[in-house]
Amino acid sequence: MKAILTKRDLLQGIRIASHAIGGRTSLPILRHVLLSSEETAIRISGTDLQTVISTVIPAQVLTPGEVTLPASVAAEIVGLLPDGSVTLEQDGSLIRLSSSPAGFSFEAGCHRHAPSGC
């Protein structure tokens, strides 16, 4: 997956979807948000297996795909990026979030382990 979107939209989307995530869980994947590309947008979803919250944010999708991100880590990293455009790029299990001059890479979760309700 590769997409360009605004920091504000990405951070807001992660925060909205995170409202469905419970505090403690025995399934680590439930602490993640699922990002799924659509034609001109990214859908961000979170779940606790009882409730699903999903939001769609505008994006320039360059390469379609799906990835899960640890919600709290992703929100913290996006918050540290400078305002403006953010490039989200997946390379295997690594996710790179960059906004000139800053850039962060971290491990993504496997979207195949995400609950189907997401």
PDB file of N, CA and C in Angstrom:
ATOM      1  N   MET A   1       0.842  -1.170   0.000  1.00  0.00           N
ATOM      2  CA  MET A   1       0.000   0.000   0.000  1.00  0.00           C
ATOM      3  C   MET A   1       0.890   1.237   0.000  1.00  0.00           C
ATOM      4  N   LYS A   2       0.477   2.217  -0.765  1.00  0.00           N
ATOM      5  CA  LYS A   2       1.137   3.517  -0.744  1.00  0.00           C
ATOM      6  C   LYS A   2       0.072   4.572  -0.995  1.00  0.00           C
ATOM      7  N   ALA A   3       0.052   5.580  -0.127  1.00  0.00           N
ATOM      8  CA  ALA A   3      -0.950   6.636  -0.259  1.00  0.00           C
ATOM      9  C   ALA A   3      -0.391   7.949   0.278  1.00  0.00           C
ATOM     10  N   ILE A   4      -0.939   9.036  -0.229  1.00  0.00           N
ATOM     11  CA  ILE A   4      -0.600  10.370   0.248  1.00  0.00           C
ATOM     12  C   ILE A   4      -1.882  10.983   0.798  1.00  0.00           C
ATOM     13  N   LEU A   5      -1.799  11.478   2.017  1.00  0.00           N
ATOM     14  CA  LEU A   5      -2.961  12.071   2.673  1.00  0.00           C
ATOM     15  C   LEU A   5      -2.491  13.149   3.625  1.00  0.00           C
ATOM     16  N   THR A   6      -3.412  13.882   4.222  1.00  0.00           N
ATOM     17  CA  THR A   6      -2.997  14.942   5.135  1.00  0.00           C
ATOM     18  C   THR A   6      -2.818  14.382   6.537  1.00  0.00           C
ATOM     19  N   LYS A   7      -1.904  14.995   7.267  1.00  0.00           N
ATOM     20  CA  LYS A   7      -1.653  14.601   8.657  1.00  0.00           C
ATOM     21  C   LYS A   7      -2.943  14.718   9.459  1.00  0.00           C
ATOM     22  N   ARG A   8      -3.650  15.820   9.278  1.00  0.00           N
ATOM     23  CA  ARG A   8      -4.870  16.065  10.053  1.00  0.00           C
ATOM     24  C   ARG A   8      -5.895  14.963   9.830  1.00  0.00           C
ATOM     25  N   ASP A   9      -6.130  14.593   8.562  1.00  0.00           N
ATOM     26  CA  ASP A   9      -7.110  13.548   8.255  1.00  0.00           C
ATOM     27  C   ASP A   9      -6.680  12.191   8.802  1.00  0.00           C
ATOM     28  N   LEU A  10      -5.402  11.849   8.640  1.00  0.00           N
ATOM     29  CA  LEU A  10      -4.911  10.558   9.120  1.00  0.00           C
ATOM     30  C   LEU A  10      -5.012  10.465  10.633  1.00  0.00           C
ATOM     31  N   LEU A  11      -4.585  11.502  11.335  1.00  0.00           N
ATOM     32  CA  LEU A  11      -4.647  11.494  12.800  1.00  0.00           C
ATOM     33  C   LEU A  11      -6.085  11.425  13.286  1.00  0.00           C
ATOM     34  N   GLN A  12      -6.966  12.198  12.680  1.00  0.00           N
ATOM     35  CA  GLN A  12      -8.372  12.175  13.059  1.00  0.00           C
ATOM     36  C   GLN A  12      -8.984  10.798  12.791  1.00  0.00           C
ATOM     37  N   GLY A  13      -8.661  10.189  11.656  1.00  0.00           N
ATOM     38  CA  GLY A  13      -9.182   8.864  11.324  1.00  0.00           C
ATOM     39  C   GLY A  13      -8.735   7.803  12.313  1.00  0.00           C
ATOM     40  N   ILE A  14      -7.447   7.818  12.669  1.00  0.00           N
ATOM     41  CA  ILE A  14      -6.937   6.855  13.647  1.00  0.00           C
ATOM     42  C   ILE A  14      -7.620   7.046  14.992  1.00  0.00           C
ATOM     43  N   ARG A  15      -7.773   8.288  15.410  1.00  0.00           N
ATOM     44  CA  ARG A  15      -8.421   8.567  16.707  1.00  0.00           C
ATOM     45  C   ARG A  15      -9.886   8.126  16.711  1.00  0.00           C
ATOM     46  N   ILE A  16     -10.601   8.366  15.630  1.00  0.00           N
ATOM     47  CA  ILE A  16     -12.011   7.955  15.555  1.00  0.00           C
ATOM     48  C   ILE A  16     -12.129   6.441  15.637  1.00  0.00           C
ATOM     49  N   ALA A  17     -11.374   5.729  14.815  1.00  0.00           N
ATOM     50  CA  ALA A  17     -11.443   4.262  14.809  1.00  0.00           C
ATOM     51  C   ALA A  17     -10.980   3.669  16.132  1.00  0.00           C
ATOM     52  N   SER A  18     -10.067   4.338  16.813  1.00  0.00           N
ATOM     53  CA  SER A  18      -9.538   3.842  18.084  1.00  0.00           C
ATOM     54  C   SER A  18     -10.570   3.816  19.194  1.00  0.00           C
ATOM     55  N   HIS A  19     -11.656   4.563  19.028  1.00  0.00           N
ATOM     56  CA  HIS A  19     -12.702   4.563  20.057  1.00  0.00           C
ATOM     57  C   HIS A  19     -13.347   3.190  20.227  1.00  0.00           C
ATOM     58  N   ALA A  20     -13.223   2.325  19.233  1.00  0.00           N
ATOM     59  CA  ALA A  20     -13.793   0.977  19.335  1.00  0.00           C
ATOM     60  C   ALA A  20     -12.844   0.004  20.033  1.00  0.00           C
ATOM     61  N   ILE A  21     -11.597   0.404  20.200  1.00  0.00           N
ATOM     62  CA  ILE A  21     -10.592  -0.497  20.755  1.00  0.00           C
ATOM     63  C   ILE A  21     -10.689  -0.513  22.271  1.00  0.00           C
ATOM     64  N   GLY A  22     -10.785  -1.726  22.840  1.00  0.00           N
ATOM     65  CA  GLY A  22     -10.854  -1.873  24.292  1.00  0.00           C
ATOM     66  C   GLY A  22      -9.488  -1.673  24.927  1.00  0.00           C
ATOM     67  N   GLY A  23      -9.498  -1.435  26.230  1.00  0.00           N
ATOM     68  CA  GLY A  23      -8.257  -1.187  26.958  1.00  0.00           C
ATOM     69  C   GLY A  23      -7.386  -2.422  27.094  1.00  0.00           C
ATOM     70  N   ARG A  24      -7.971  -3.520  27.509  1.00  0.00           N
ATOM     71  CA  ARG A  24      -7.204  -4.751  27.698  1.00  0.00           C
ATOM     72  C   ARG A  24      -7.816  -5.848  26.844  1.00  0.00           C
ATOM     73  N   THR A  25      -6.955  -6.587  26.190  1.00  0.00           N
ATOM     74  CA  THR A  25      -7.437  -7.676  25.360  1.00  0.00           C
ATOM     75  C   THR A  25      -6.380  -8.767  25.297  1.00  0.00           C
ATOM     76  N   SER A  26      -6.835  -9.991  25.176  1.00  0.00           N
ATOM     77  CA  SER A  26      -5.880 -11.100  25.043  1.00  0.00           C
ATOM     78  C   SER A  26      -5.471 -11.291  23.587  1.00  0.00           C
ATOM     79  N   LEU A  27      -6.106 -10.569  22.673  1.00  0.00           N
ATOM     80  CA  LEU A  27      -5.770 -10.633  21.248  1.00  0.00           C
ATOM     81  C   LEU A  27      -5.066  -9.337  20.837  1.00  0.00           C
ATOM     82  N   PRO A  28      -3.752  -9.373  20.669  1.00  0.00           N
ATOM     83  CA  PRO A  28      -3.014  -8.141  20.340  1.00  0.00           C
ATOM     84  C   PRO A  28      -3.522  -7.424  19.094  1.00  0.00           C
ATOM     85  N   ILE A  29      -4.058  -8.134  18.111  1.00  0.00           N
ATOM     86  CA  ILE A  29      -4.536  -7.501  16.881  1.00  0.00           C
ATOM     87  C   ILE A  29      -5.678  -6.525  17.163  1.00  0.00           C
ATOM     88  N   LEU A  30      -6.375  -6.694  18.276  1.00  0.00           N
ATOM     89  CA  LEU A  30      -7.484  -5.800  18.610  1.00  0.00           C
ATOM     90  C   LEU A  30      -7.010  -4.437  19.106  1.00  0.00           C
ATOM     91  N   ARG A  31      -5.707  -4.282  19.274  1.00  0.00           N
ATOM     92  CA  ARG A  31      -5.151  -2.967  19.623  1.00  0.00           C
ATOM     93  C   ARG A  31      -4.698  -2.225  18.362  1.00  0.00           C
ATOM     94  N   HIS A  32      -5.017  -2.791  17.194  1.00  0.00           N
ATOM     95  CA  HIS A  32      -4.630  -2.220  15.909  1.00  0.00           C
ATOM     96  C   HIS A  32      -5.839  -1.604  15.207  1.00  0.00           C
ATOM     97  N   VAL A  33      -5.556  -0.702  14.286  1.00  0.00           N
ATOM     98  CA  VAL A  33      -6.567  -0.212  13.358  1.00  0.00           C
ATOM     99  C   VAL A  33      -6.226  -0.774  11.984  1.00  0.00           C
ATOM    100  N   LEU A  34      -7.241  -1.055  11.205  1.00  0.00           N
ATOM    101  CA  LEU A  34      -7.082  -1.588   9.858  1.00  0.00           C
ATOM    102  C   LEU A  34      -7.235  -0.451   8.862  1.00  0.00           C
ATOM    103  N   LEU A  35      -6.236  -0.271   8.008  1.00  0.00           N
ATOM    104  CA  LEU A  35      -6.300   0.717   6.935  1.00  0.00           C
ATOM    105  C   LEU A  35      -6.484  -0.036   5.630  1.00  0.00           C
ATOM    106  N   SER A  36      -7.552   0.280   4.912  1.00  0.00           N
ATOM    107  CA  SER A  36      -7.875  -0.367   3.639  1.00  0.00           C
ATOM    108  C   SER A  36      -8.022   0.715   2.582  1.00  0.00           C
ATOM    109  N   SER A  37      -7.368   0.521   1.459  1.00  0.00           N
ATOM    110  CA  SER A  37      -7.463   1.529   0.407  1.00  0.00           C
ATOM    111  C   SER A  37      -8.743   1.345  -0.395  1.00  0.00           C
ATOM    112  N   GLU A  38      -9.289   2.469  -0.806  1.00  0.00           N
ATOM    113  CA  GLU A  38     -10.401   2.516  -1.743  1.00  0.00           C
ATOM    114  C   GLU A  38      -9.899   3.361  -2.916  1.00  0.00           C
ATOM    115  N   GLU A  39     -10.732   3.651  -3.878  1.00  0.00           N
ATOM    116  CA  GLU A  39     -10.260   4.372  -5.066  1.00  0.00           C
ATOM    117  C   GLU A  39      -9.583   5.700  -4.746  1.00  0.00           C
ATOM    118  N   THR A  40     -10.267   6.529  -3.980  1.00  0.00           N
ATOM    119  CA  THR A  40      -9.731   7.858  -3.661  1.00  0.00           C
ATOM    120  C   THR A  40      -9.749   8.121  -2.168  1.00  0.00           C
ATOM    121  N   ALA A  41      -9.643   7.054  -1.379  1.00  0.00           N
ATOM    122  CA  ALA A  41      -9.747   7.216   0.070  1.00  0.00           C
ATOM    123  C   ALA A  41      -9.095   6.033   0.789  1.00  0.00           C
ATOM    124  N   ILE A  42      -8.922   6.222   2.072  1.00  0.00           N
ATOM    125  CA  ILE A  42      -8.468   5.164   2.969  1.00  0.00           C
ATOM    126  C   ILE A  42      -9.556   4.974   4.021  1.00  0.00           C
ATOM    127  N   ARG A  43      -9.986   3.730   4.209  1.00  0.00           N
ATOM    128  CA  ARG A  43     -10.932   3.400   5.270  1.00  0.00           C
ATOM    129  C   ARG A  43     -10.121   2.947   6.472  1.00  0.00           C
ATOM    130  N   ILE A  44     -10.392   3.545   7.636  1.00  0.00           N
ATOM    131  CA  ILE A  44      -9.703   3.184   8.878  1.00  0.00           C
ATOM    132  C   ILE A  44     -10.748   2.606   9.823  1.00  0.00           C
ATOM    133  N   SER A  45     -10.499   1.376  10.303  1.00  0.00           N
ATOM    134  CA  SER A  45     -11.470   0.669  11.136  1.00  0.00           C
ATOM    135  C   SER A  45     -10.813   0.140  12.399  1.00  0.00           C
ATOM    136  N   GLY A  46     -11.584   0.121  13.470  1.00  0.00           N
ATOM    137  CA  GLY A  46     -11.154  -0.476  14.729  1.00  0.00           C
ATOM    138  C   GLY A  46     -12.308  -1.265  15.310  1.00  0.00           C
ATOM    139  N   THR A  47     -11.999  -2.294  16.107  1.00  0.00           N
ATOM    140  CA  THR A  47     -13.053  -3.118  16.699  1.00  0.00           C
ATOM    141  C   THR A  47     -12.598  -3.712  18.020  1.00  0.00           C
ATOM    142  N   ASP A  48     -13.571  -4.045  18.851  1.00  0.00           N
ATOM    143  CA  ASP A  48     -13.318  -4.831  20.056  1.00  0.00           C
ATOM    144  C   ASP A  48     -14.055  -6.163  19.958  1.00  0.00           C
ATOM    145  N   LEU A  49     -14.476  -6.532  18.766  1.00  0.00           N
ATOM    146  CA  LEU A  49     -15.252  -7.721  18.393  1.00  0.00           C
ATOM    147  C   LEU A  49     -16.738  -7.583  18.711  1.00  0.00           C
ATOM    148  N   GLN A  50     -17.140  -6.531  19.418  1.00  0.00           N
ATOM    149  CA  GLN A  50     -18.558  -6.264  19.641  1.00  0.00           C
ATOM    150  C   GLN A  50     -18.991  -5.018  18.884  1.00  0.00           C
ATOM    151  N   THR A  51     -18.096  -4.061  18.806  1.00  0.00           N
ATOM    152  CA  THR A  51     -18.379  -2.790  18.157  1.00  0.00           C
ATOM    153  C   THR A  51     -17.307  -2.525  17.105  1.00  0.00           C
ATOM    154  N   VAL A  52     -17.735  -2.054  15.944  1.00  0.00           N
ATOM    155  CA  VAL A  52     -16.800  -1.659  14.890  1.00  0.00           C
ATOM    156  C   VAL A  52     -17.029  -0.176  14.611  1.00  0.00           C
ATOM    157  N   ILE A  53     -15.946   0.576  14.571  1.00  0.00           N
ATOM    158  CA  ILE A  53     -16.017   1.973  14.164  1.00  0.00           C
ATOM    159  C   ILE A  53     -15.117   2.122  12.948  1.00  0.00           C
ATOM    160  N   SER A  54     -15.678   2.695  11.900  1.00  0.00           N
ATOM    161  CA  SER A  54     -14.964   2.835  10.645  1.00  0.00           C
ATOM    162  C   SER A  54     -15.182   4.240  10.109  1.00  0.00           C
ATOM    163  N   THR A  55     -14.144   4.830   9.560  1.00  0.00           N
ATOM    164  CA  THR A  55     -14.249   6.156   8.967  1.00  0.00           C
ATOM    165  C   THR A  55     -13.461   6.156   7.656  1.00  0.00           C
ATOM    166  N   VAL A  56     -13.847   7.017   6.752  1.00  0.00           N
ATOM    167  CA  VAL A  56     -13.184   7.120   5.456  1.00  0.00           C
ATOM    168  C   VAL A  56     -12.575   8.508   5.345  1.00  0.00           C
ATOM    169  N   ILE A  57     -11.296   8.536   4.953  1.00  0.00           N
ATOM    170  CA  ILE A  57     -10.612   9.816   4.785  1.00  0.00           C
ATOM    171  C   ILE A  57     -10.091   9.922   3.350  1.00  0.00           C
ATOM    172  N   PRO A  58     -10.104  11.123   2.789  1.00  0.00           N
ATOM    173  CA  PRO A  58      -9.622  11.288   1.414  1.00  0.00           C
ATOM    174  C   PRO A  58      -8.119  11.024   1.329  1.00  0.00           C
ATOM    175  N   ALA A  59      -7.700  10.417   0.237  1.00  0.00           N
ATOM    176  CA  ALA A  59      -6.280  10.116   0.029  1.00  0.00           C
ATOM    177  C   ALA A  59      -6.013   9.938  -1.458  1.00  0.00           C
ATOM    178  N   GLN A  60      -4.785  10.155  -1.821  1.00  0.00           N
ATOM    179  CA  GLN A  60      -4.329   9.827  -3.166  1.00  0.00           C
ATOM    180  C   GLN A  60      -3.694   8.436  -3.044  1.00  0.00           C
ATOM    181  N   VAL A  61      -4.428   7.421  -3.492  1.00  0.00           N
ATOM    182  CA  VAL A  61      -3.958   6.042  -3.375  1.00  0.00           C
ATOM    183  C   VAL A  61      -3.086   5.722  -4.591  1.00  0.00           C
ATOM    184  N   LEU A  62      -1.802   5.479  -4.336  1.00  0.00           N
ATOM    185  CA  LEU A  62      -0.858   5.174  -5.406  1.00  0.00           C
ATOM    186  C   LEU A  62      -0.734   3.669  -5.631  1.00  0.00           C
ATOM    187  N   THR A  63      -0.786   2.904  -4.536  1.00  0.00           N
ATOM    188  CA  THR A  63      -0.748   1.442  -4.601  1.00  0.00           C
ATOM    189  C   THR A  63      -1.792   0.922  -3.618  1.00  0.00           C
ATOM    190  N   PRO A  64      -2.801   0.195  -4.085  1.00  0.00           N
ATOM    191  CA  PRO A  64      -3.839  -0.287  -3.178  1.00  0.00           C
ATOM    192  C   PRO A  64      -3.304  -1.357  -2.225  1.00  0.00           C
ATOM    193  N   GLY A  65      -4.016  -1.525  -1.123  1.00  0.00           N
ATOM    194  CA  GLY A  65      -3.641  -2.559  -0.167  1.00  0.00           C
ATOM    195  C   GLY A  65      -4.346  -2.396   1.158  1.00  0.00           C
ATOM    196  N   GLU A  66      -3.973  -3.255   2.094  1.00  0.00           N
ATOM    197  CA  GLU A  66      -4.496  -3.229   3.460  1.00  0.00           C
ATOM    198  C   GLU A  66      -3.353  -3.457   4.423  1.00  0.00           C
ATOM    199  N   VAL A  67      -3.434  -2.818   5.574  1.00  0.00           N
ATOM    200  CA  VAL A  67      -2.417  -2.992   6.600  1.00  0.00           C
ATOM    201  C   VAL A  67      -3.043  -2.664   7.955  1.00  0.00           C
ATOM    202  N   THR A  68      -2.547  -3.319   9.003  1.00  0.00           N
ATOM    203  CA  THR A  68      -2.967  -2.930  10.346  1.00  0.00           C
ATOM    204  C   THR A  68      -1.815  -2.214  11.025  1.00  0.00           C
ATOM    205  N   LEU A  69      -2.178  -1.211  11.813  1.00  0.00           N
ATOM    206  CA  LEU A  69      -1.195  -0.432  12.562  1.00  0.00           C
ATOM    207  C   LEU A  69      -1.579  -0.442  14.032  1.00  0.00           C
ATOM    208  N   PRO A  70      -0.602  -0.569  14.928  1.00  0.00           N
ATOM    209  CA  PRO A  70      -0.916  -0.439  16.345  1.00  0.00           C
ATOM    210  C   PRO A  70      -1.449   0.975  16.586  1.00  0.00           C
ATOM    211  N   ALA A  71      -2.684   1.074  17.040  1.00  0.00           N
ATOM    212  CA  ALA A  71      -3.386   2.364  17.083  1.00  0.00           C
ATOM    213  C   ALA A  71      -2.651   3.421  17.891  1.00  0.00           C
ATOM    214  N   SER A  72      -2.221   3.095  19.095  1.00  0.00           N
ATOM    215  CA  SER A  72      -1.596   4.119  19.941  1.00  0.00           C
ATOM    216  C   SER A  72      -0.250   4.565  19.375  1.00  0.00           C
ATOM    217  N   VAL A  73       0.537   3.638  18.854  1.00  0.00           N
ATOM    218  CA  VAL A  73       1.836   3.977  18.261  1.00  0.00           C
ATOM    219  C   VAL A  73       1.630   4.824  17.013  1.00  0.00           C
ATOM    220  N   ALA A  74       0.692   4.420  16.160  1.00  0.00           N
ATOM    221  CA  ALA A  74       0.432   5.165  14.923  1.00  0.00           C
ATOM    222  C   ALA A  74      -0.027   6.588  15.231  1.00  0.00           C
ATOM    223  N   ALA A  75      -0.934   6.748  16.194  1.00  0.00           N
ATOM    224  CA  ALA A  75      -1.422   8.089  16.549  1.00  0.00           C
ATOM    225  C   ALA A  75      -0.288   8.951  17.088  1.00  0.00           C
ATOM    226  N   GLU A  76       0.578   8.356  17.896  1.00  0.00           N
ATOM    227  CA  GLU A  76       1.699   9.114  18.452  1.00  0.00           C
ATOM    228  C   GLU A  76       2.670   9.549  17.352  1.00  0.00           C
ATOM    229  N   ILE A  77       2.989   8.640  16.442  1.00  0.00           N
ATOM    230  CA  ILE A  77       3.920   8.958  15.356  1.00  0.00           C
ATOM    231  C   ILE A  77       3.336  10.010  14.421  1.00  0.00           C
ATOM    232  N   VAL A  78       2.078   9.843  14.030  1.00  0.00           N
ATOM    233  CA  VAL A  78       1.449  10.832  13.135  1.00  0.00           C
ATOM    234  C   VAL A  78       1.416  12.196  13.816  1.00  0.00           C
ATOM    235  N   GLY A  79       1.164  12.215  15.127  1.00  0.00           N
ATOM    236  CA  GLY A  79       1.152  13.473  15.864  1.00  0.00           C
ATOM    237  C   GLY A  79       2.491  14.192  15.856  1.00  0.00           C
ATOM    238  N   LEU A  80       3.586  13.440  15.730  1.00  0.00           N
ATOM    239  CA  LEU A  80       4.923  14.033  15.712  1.00  0.00           C
ATOM    240  C   LEU A  80       5.323  14.582  14.340  1.00  0.00           C
ATOM    241  N   LEU A  81       4.617  14.166  13.297  1.00  0.00           N
ATOM    242  CA  LEU A  81       4.951  14.620  11.945  1.00  0.00           C
ATOM    243  C   LEU A  81       4.577  16.083  11.764  1.00  0.00           C
ATOM    244  N   PRO A  82       5.300  16.796  10.900  1.00  0.00           N
ATOM    245  CA  PRO A  82       4.924  18.179  10.600  1.00  0.00           C
ATOM    246  C   PRO A  82       3.575  18.222   9.874  1.00  0.00           C
ATOM    247  N   ASP A  83       2.872  19.336  10.016  1.00  0.00           N
ATOM    248  CA  ASP A  83       1.588  19.499   9.327  1.00  0.00           C
ATOM    249  C   ASP A  83       1.804  19.441   7.819  1.00  0.00           C
ATOM    250  N   GLY A  84       0.771  18.980   7.110  1.00  0.00           N
ATOM    251  CA  GLY A  84       0.849  18.903   5.654  1.00  0.00           C
ATOM    252  C   GLY A  84       0.619  17.490   5.165  1.00  0.00           C
ATOM    253  N   SER A  85       1.176  17.190   4.004  1.00  0.00           N
ATOM    254  CA  SER A  85       0.991  15.879   3.383  1.00  0.00           C
ATOM    255  C   SER A  85       1.851  14.822   4.056  1.00  0.00           C
ATOM    256  N   VAL A  86       1.269  13.630   4.207  1.00  0.00           N
ATOM    257  CA  VAL A  86       1.962  12.477   4.779  1.00  0.00           C
ATOM    258  C   VAL A  86       1.931  11.362   3.740  1.00  0.00           C
ATOM    259  N   THR A  87       3.072  10.734   3.541  1.00  0.00           N
ATOM    260  CA  THR A  87       3.134   9.564   2.676  1.00  0.00           C
ATOM    261  C   THR A  87       3.161   8.328   3.558  1.00  0.00           C
ATOM    262  N   LEU A  88       2.229   7.424   3.321  1.00  0.00           N
ATOM    263  CA  LEU A  88       2.155   6.149   4.023  1.00  0.00           C
ATOM    264  C   LEU A  88       2.572   5.091   3.022  1.00  0.00           C
ATOM    265  N   GLU A  89       3.634   4.356   3.343  1.00  0.00           N
ATOM    266  CA  GLU A  89       4.147   3.370   2.399  1.00  0.00           C
ATOM    267  C   GLU A  89       4.464   2.073   3.117  1.00  0.00           C
ATOM    268  N   GLN A  90       3.970   0.971   2.562  1.00  0.00           N
ATOM    269  CA  GLN A  90       4.222  -0.352   3.117  1.00  0.00           C
ATOM    270  C   GLN A  90       5.293  -1.045   2.296  1.00  0.00           C
ATOM    271  N   ASP A  91       6.271  -1.623   3.001  1.00  0.00           N
ATOM    272  CA  ASP A  91       7.321  -2.410   2.358  1.00  0.00           C
ATOM    273  C   ASP A  91       7.430  -3.708   3.154  1.00  0.00           C
ATOM    274  N   GLY A  92       6.709  -4.721   2.708  1.00  0.00           N
ATOM    275  CA  GLY A  92       6.654  -5.971   3.471  1.00  0.00           C
ATOM    276  C   GLY A  92       5.921  -5.737   4.774  1.00  0.00           C
ATOM    277  N   SER A  93       6.585  -6.026   5.893  1.00  0.00           N
ATOM    278  CA  SER A  93       5.955  -5.807   7.194  1.00  0.00           C
ATOM    279  C   SER A  93       6.312  -4.449   7.784  1.00  0.00           C
ATOM    280  N   LEU A  94       7.063  -3.634   7.052  1.00  0.00           N
ATOM    281  CA  LEU A  94       7.419  -2.301   7.534  1.00  0.00           C
ATOM    282  C   LEU A  94       6.491  -1.249   6.948  1.00  0.00           C
ATOM    283  N   ILE A  95       6.128  -0.305   7.797  1.00  0.00           N
ATOM    284  CA  ILE A  95       5.341   0.855   7.377  1.00  0.00           C
ATOM    285  C   ILE A  95       6.217   2.078   7.553  1.00  0.00           C
ATOM    286  N   ARG A  96       6.224   2.918   6.551  1.00  0.00           N
ATOM    287  CA  ARG A  96       6.952   4.181   6.645  1.00  0.00           C
ATOM    288  C   ARG A  96       5.948   5.310   6.525  1.00  0.00           C
ATOM    289  N   LEU A  97       5.974   6.189   7.534  1.00  0.00           N
ATOM    290  CA  LEU A  97       5.177   7.409   7.516  1.00  0.00           C
ATOM    291  C   LEU A  97       6.166   8.559   7.400  1.00  0.00           C
ATOM    292  N   SER A  98       6.002   9.375   6.373  1.00  0.00           N
ATOM    293  CA  SER A  98       6.947  10.471   6.187  1.00  0.00           C
ATOM    294  C   SER A  98       6.245  11.751   5.771  1.00  0.00           C
ATOM    295  N   SER A  99       6.803  12.835   6.259  1.00  0.00           N
ATOM    296  CA  SER A  99       6.361  14.179   5.917  1.00  0.00           C
ATOM    297  C   SER A  99       7.611  15.036   6.048  1.00  0.00           C
ATOM    298  N   SER A 100       8.108  15.516   4.935  1.00  0.00           N
ATOM    299  CA  SER A 100       9.398  16.186   4.914  1.00  0.00           C
ATOM    300  C   SER A 100       9.514  17.232   6.019  1.00  0.00           C
ATOM    301  N   PRO A 101      10.560  17.204   6.800  1.00  0.00           N
ATOM    302  CA  PRO A 101      11.777  16.411   6.716  1.00  0.00           C
ATOM    303  C   PRO A 101      11.750  15.155   7.602  1.00  0.00           C
ATOM    304  N   ALA A 102      10.639  14.861   8.248  1.00  0.00           N
ATOM    305  CA  ALA A 102      10.580  13.748   9.209  1.00  0.00           C
ATOM    306  C   ALA A 102      10.093  12.463   8.550  1.00  0.00           C
ATOM    307  N   GLY A 103      10.518  11.345   9.117  1.00  0.00           N
ATOM    308  CA  GLY A 103      10.059  10.049   8.642  1.00  0.00           C
ATOM    309  C   GLY A 103      10.225   9.004   9.728  1.00  0.00           C
ATOM    310  N   PHE A 104       9.280   8.097   9.834  1.00  0.00           N
ATOM    311  CA  PHE A 104       9.305   7.040  10.839  1.00  0.00           C
ATOM    312  C   PHE A 104       8.971   5.717  10.170  1.00  0.00           C
ATOM    313  N   SER A 105       9.643   4.664  10.592  1.00  0.00           N
ATOM    314  CA  SER A 105       9.332   3.310  10.130  1.00  0.00           C
ATOM    315  C   SER A 105       9.038   2.445  11.342  1.00  0.00           C
ATOM    316  N   PHE A 106       8.057   1.566  11.212  1.00  0.00           N
ATOM    317  CA  PHE A 106       7.738   0.639  12.293  1.00  0.00           C
ATOM    318  C   PHE A 106       7.047  -0.581  11.719  1.00  0.00           C
ATOM    319  N   GLU A 107       6.973  -1.631  12.532  1.00  0.00           N
ATOM    320  CA  GLU A 107       6.362  -2.890  12.111  1.00  0.00           C
ATOM    321  C   GLU A 107       4.843  -2.754  12.048  1.00  0.00           C
ATOM    322  N   ALA A 108       4.283  -3.245  10.989  1.00  0.00           N
ATOM    323  CA  ALA A 108       2.823  -3.293  10.840  1.00  0.00           C
ATOM    324  C   ALA A 108       2.352  -4.670  11.255  1.00  0.00           C
ATOM    325  N   GLY A 109       1.071  -4.772  11.566  1.00  0.00           N
ATOM    326  CA  GLY A 109       0.487  -6.067  11.845  1.00  0.00           C
ATOM    327  C   GLY A 109       0.046  -6.714  10.544  1.00  0.00           C
ATOM    328  N   CYS A 110      -0.281  -7.969  10.613  1.00  0.00           N
ATOM    329  CA  CYS A 110      -0.749  -8.689   9.434  1.00  0.00           C
ATOM    330  C   CYS A 110      -2.252  -8.490   9.294  1.00  0.00           C
ATOM    331  N   HIS A 111      -2.688  -7.891   8.193  1.00  0.00           N
ATOM    332  CA  HIS A 111      -4.121  -7.624   8.020  1.00  0.00           C
ATOM    333  C   HIS A 111      -4.930  -8.903   7.934  1.00  0.00           C
ATOM    334  N   ARG A 112      -4.289 -10.024   7.602  1.00  0.00           N
ATOM    335  CA  ARG A 112      -5.018 -11.292   7.535  1.00  0.00           C
ATOM    336  C   ARG A 112      -5.476 -11.758   8.900  1.00  0.00           C
ATOM    337  N   HIS A 113      -4.861 -11.221   9.977  1.00  0.00           N
ATOM    338  CA  HIS A 113      -5.260 -11.577  11.342  1.00  0.00           C
ATOM    339  C   HIS A 113      -6.313 -10.627  11.890  1.00  0.00           C
ATOM    340  N   ALA A 114      -6.638  -9.594  11.148  1.00  0.00           N
ATOM    341  CA  ALA A 114      -7.647  -8.639  11.615  1.00  0.00           C
ATOM    342  C   ALA A 114      -9.024  -9.296  11.593  1.00  0.00           C
ATOM    343  N   PRO A 115      -9.871  -8.965  12.576  1.00  0.00           N
ATOM    344  CA  PRO A 115     -11.217  -9.533  12.596  1.00  0.00           C
ATOM    345  C   PRO A 115     -11.986  -9.176  11.326  1.00  0.00           C
ATOM    346  N   SER A 116     -12.799 -10.101  10.856  1.00  0.00           N
ATOM    347  CA  SER A 116     -13.533  -9.855   9.619  1.00  0.00           C
ATOM    348  C   SER A 116     -14.569  -8.764   9.770  1.00  0.00           C
ATOM    349  N   GLY A 117     -14.950  -8.435  10.981  1.00  0.00           N
ATOM    350  CA  GLY A 117     -15.909  -7.352  11.198  1.00  0.00           C
ATOM    351  C   GLY A 117     -15.313  -5.981  10.953  1.00  0.00           C
ATOM    352  N   CYS A 118     -14.020  -5.901  10.835  1.00  0.00           N
ATOM    353  CA  CYS A 118     -13.344  -4.612  10.639  1.00  0.00           C
ATOM    354  C   CYS A 118     -13.561  -4.116   9.244  1.00  0.00           C
TER     355      CYS A 118
END
